[in-house]
C-alpha atoms as a PDB file:
ATOM      1  CA  MET A   1      -0.887   0.398   0.427  1.00  0.00           C
ATOM      2  CA  THR A   2       1.427   3.754  -1.126  1.00  0.00           C
ATOM      3  CA  LYS A   3       1.335   6.302   0.917  1.00  0.00           C
ATOM      4  CA  GLN A   4      -0.091   9.542  -0.440  1.00  0.00           C
ATOM      5  CA  ARG A   5       1.030  12.796   0.075  1.00  0.00           C
ATOM      6  CA  LYS A   6      -0.010  15.440   1.092  1.00  0.00           C
ATOM      7  CA  VAL A   7      -0.805  17.871  -1.300  1.00  0.00           C
ATOM      8  CA  PRO A   8       1.024  21.921  -0.257  1.00  0.00           C
ATOM      9  CA  MET A   9      -1.930  24.062  -0.578  1.00  0.00           C
ATOM     10  CA  ARG A  10      -1.020  28.032  -0.759  1.00  0.00           C
ATOM     11  CA  LYS A  11      -3.905  30.935  -1.332  1.00  0.00           C
ATOM     12  CA  CYS A  12      -3.927  32.695  -4.486  1.00  0.00           C
ATOM     13  CA  VAL A  13      -3.755  36.627  -3.454  1.00  0.00           C
ATOM     14  CA  VAL A  14      -6.468  37.721  -6.038  1.00  0.00           C
ATOM     15  CA  THR A  15      -9.035  35.279  -5.707  1.00  0.00           C
ATOM     16  CA  GLY A  16      -8.724  34.200  -2.418  1.00  0.00           C
ATOM     17  CA  GLU A  17      -8.444  29.881  -3.671  1.00  0.00           C
ATOM     18  CA  GLN A  18      -6.948  27.958  -2.190  1.00  0.00           C
ATOM     19  CA  LEU A  19      -5.079  25.990  -4.967  1.00  0.00           C
ATOM     20  CA  PRO A  20      -2.179  23.569  -5.254  1.00  0.00           C
ATOM     21  CA  LYS A  21       1.134  25.426  -4.692  1.00  0.00           C
ATOM     22  CA  GLY A  22       2.320  23.938  -7.784  1.00  0.00           C
ATOM     23  CA  GLU A  23      -0.435  25.986  -9.759  1.00  0.00           C
ATOM     24  CA  LEU A  24       0.393  28.955  -8.547  1.00  0.00           C
ATOM     25  CA  VAL A  25       3.509  31.237  -8.678  1.00  0.00           C
ATOM     26  CA  ARG A  26       5.643  33.702  -6.245  1.00  0.00           C
ATOM     27  CA  VAL A  27       6.664  36.714  -5.872  1.00  0.00           C
ATOM     28  CA  VAL A  28       8.832  37.221  -3.173  1.00  0.00           C
ATOM     29  CA  LYS A  29      10.954  39.911  -1.124  1.00  0.00           C
ATOM     30  CA  ASN A  30      14.162  38.821  -0.061  1.00  0.00           C
ATOM     31  CA  LYS A  31      15.889  41.140   2.801  1.00  0.00           C
ATOM     32  CA  GLU A  32      18.001  42.890   1.079  1.00  0.00           C
ATOM     33  CA  GLY A  33      14.607  44.219  -0.824  1.00  0.00           C
ATOM     34  CA  GLU A  34      14.710  41.840  -4.039  1.00  0.00           C
ATOM     35  CA  LEU A  35      11.850  41.570  -6.183  1.00  0.00           C
ATOM     36  CA  PHE A  36      11.360  39.069  -8.032  1.00  0.00           C
ATOM     37  CA  VAL A  37       9.655  35.629  -9.501  1.00  0.00           C
ATOM     38  CA  ASP A  38      10.651  32.726  -7.512  1.00  0.00           C
ATOM     39  CA  SER A  39       8.921  30.008  -9.871  1.00  0.00           C
ATOM     40  CA  THR A  40      10.384  27.144  -8.061  1.00  0.00           C
ATOM     41  CA  GLY A  41       8.588  28.206  -4.767  1.00  0.00           C
ATOM     42  CA  LYS A  42      11.616  27.349  -1.936  1.00  0.00           C
ATOM     43  CA  LYS A  43      13.468  31.600  -1.810  1.00  0.00           C
ATOM     44  CA  ASN A  44      13.574  32.813   0.959  1.00  0.00           C
ATOM     45  CA  GLY A  45      12.024  35.679   1.168  1.00  0.00           C
ATOM     46  CA  ARG A  46       8.143  36.835   1.877  1.00  0.00           C
ATOM     47  CA  GLY A  47       6.005  35.708  -0.305  1.00  0.00           C
ATOM     48  CA  ALA A  48       3.038  36.029  -2.751  1.00  0.00           C
ATOM     49  CA  TYR A  49       1.058  33.691  -4.229  1.00  0.00           C
ATOM     50  CA  LEU A  50      -0.571  34.954  -7.262  1.00  0.00           C
ATOM     51  CA  GLN A  51      -2.569  32.005  -9.936  1.00  0.00           C
ATOM     52  CA  LEU A  52      -0.757  31.799 -13.303  1.00  0.00           C
ATOM     53  CA  LYS A  53      -3.868  33.725 -15.429  1.00  0.00           C
ATOM     54  CA  LYS A  54      -3.804  37.098 -17.508  1.00  0.00           C
ATOM     55  CA  GLU A  55      -6.715  37.949 -15.715  1.00  0.00           C
ATOM     56  CA  VAL A  56      -5.419  36.948 -12.533  1.00  0.00           C
ATOM     57  CA  ILE A  57      -2.289  39.634 -13.136  1.00  0.00           C
ATOM     58  CA  ASP A  58      -4.574  42.250 -14.880  1.00  0.00           C
ATOM     59  CA  ARG A  59      -6.259  41.885 -11.786  1.00  0.00           C
ATOM     60  CA  ALA A  60      -3.346  42.001  -9.779  1.00  0.00           C
ATOM     61  CA  LYS A  61      -2.077  44.864 -11.384  1.00  0.00           C
ATOM     62  CA  LYS A  62      -4.780  47.220 -11.348  1.00  0.00           C
ATOM     63  CA  THR A  63      -5.910  46.730  -7.506  1.00  0.00           C
ATOM     64  CA  ASN A  64      -2.201  46.695  -6.201  1.00  0.00           C
ATOM     65  CA  VAL A  65      -2.761  43.327  -4.152  1.00  0.00           C
ATOM     66  CA  LEU A  66       1.177  43.035  -4.420  1.00  0.00           C
ATOM     67  CA  ARG A  67       2.308  45.923  -3.006  1.00  0.00           C
ATOM     68  CA  LYS A  68      -0.516  45.240  -0.231  1.00  0.00           C
ATOM     69  CA  HIS A  69       1.340  42.000   0.634  1.00  0.00           C
ATOM     70  CA  LEU A  70       5.034  42.792   0.212  1.00  0.00           C
ATOM     71  CA  GLN A  71       5.313  46.044   1.326  1.00  0.00           C
ATOM     72  CA  VAL A  72       7.064  47.555  -1.365  1.00  0.00           C
ATOM     73  CA  ASP A  73       6.086  48.721  -5.099  1.00  0.00           C
ATOM     74  CA  ILE A  74       5.909  46.782  -7.499  1.00  0.00           C
ATOM     75  CA  PRO A  75       8.320  47.317 -10.842  1.00  0.00           C
ATOM     76  CA  GLU A  76       6.174  46.410 -14.079  1.00  0.00           C
ATOM     77  CA  GLU A  77       8.467  44.068 -14.875  1.00  0.00           C
ATOM     78  CA  ILE A  78       7.619  41.906 -12.367  1.00  0.00           C
ATOM     79  CA  TYR A  79       4.110  41.896 -14.112  1.00  0.00           C
ATOM     80  CA  GLU A  80       5.789  42.010 -17.322  1.00  0.00           C
ATOM     81  CA  SER A  81       7.872  38.552 -16.465  1.00  0.00           C
ATOM     82  CA  LEU A  82       4.908  36.873 -15.070  1.00  0.00           C
ATOM     83  CA  TYR A  83       2.993  37.314 -18.426  1.00  0.00           C
ATOM     84  CA  LYS A  84       5.487  35.745 -20.123  1.00  0.00           C
ATOM     85  CA  LEU A  85       4.837  32.803 -17.634  1.00  0.00           C
ATOM     86  CA  VAL A  86       1.173  32.363 -18.833  1.00  0.00           C
END
């Protein structure tokens, strides 16, 4: 009998949905204040999870939800790299 592994769940900061971690992308702010998109989900720092859908990224940009979660201004490059992943 094989043991079933628990799927780590994370909450999308835009939609509020609980989803498997693999379906989300993480935007991270590290201790130095650098911002980057973490596709591995393993980098150190404060992270906010987003669904990889164009409309979710649009909404995140419009409502400034990432800025509220990470307490830092989000440069345009972050959104551009998120769009590239979609």
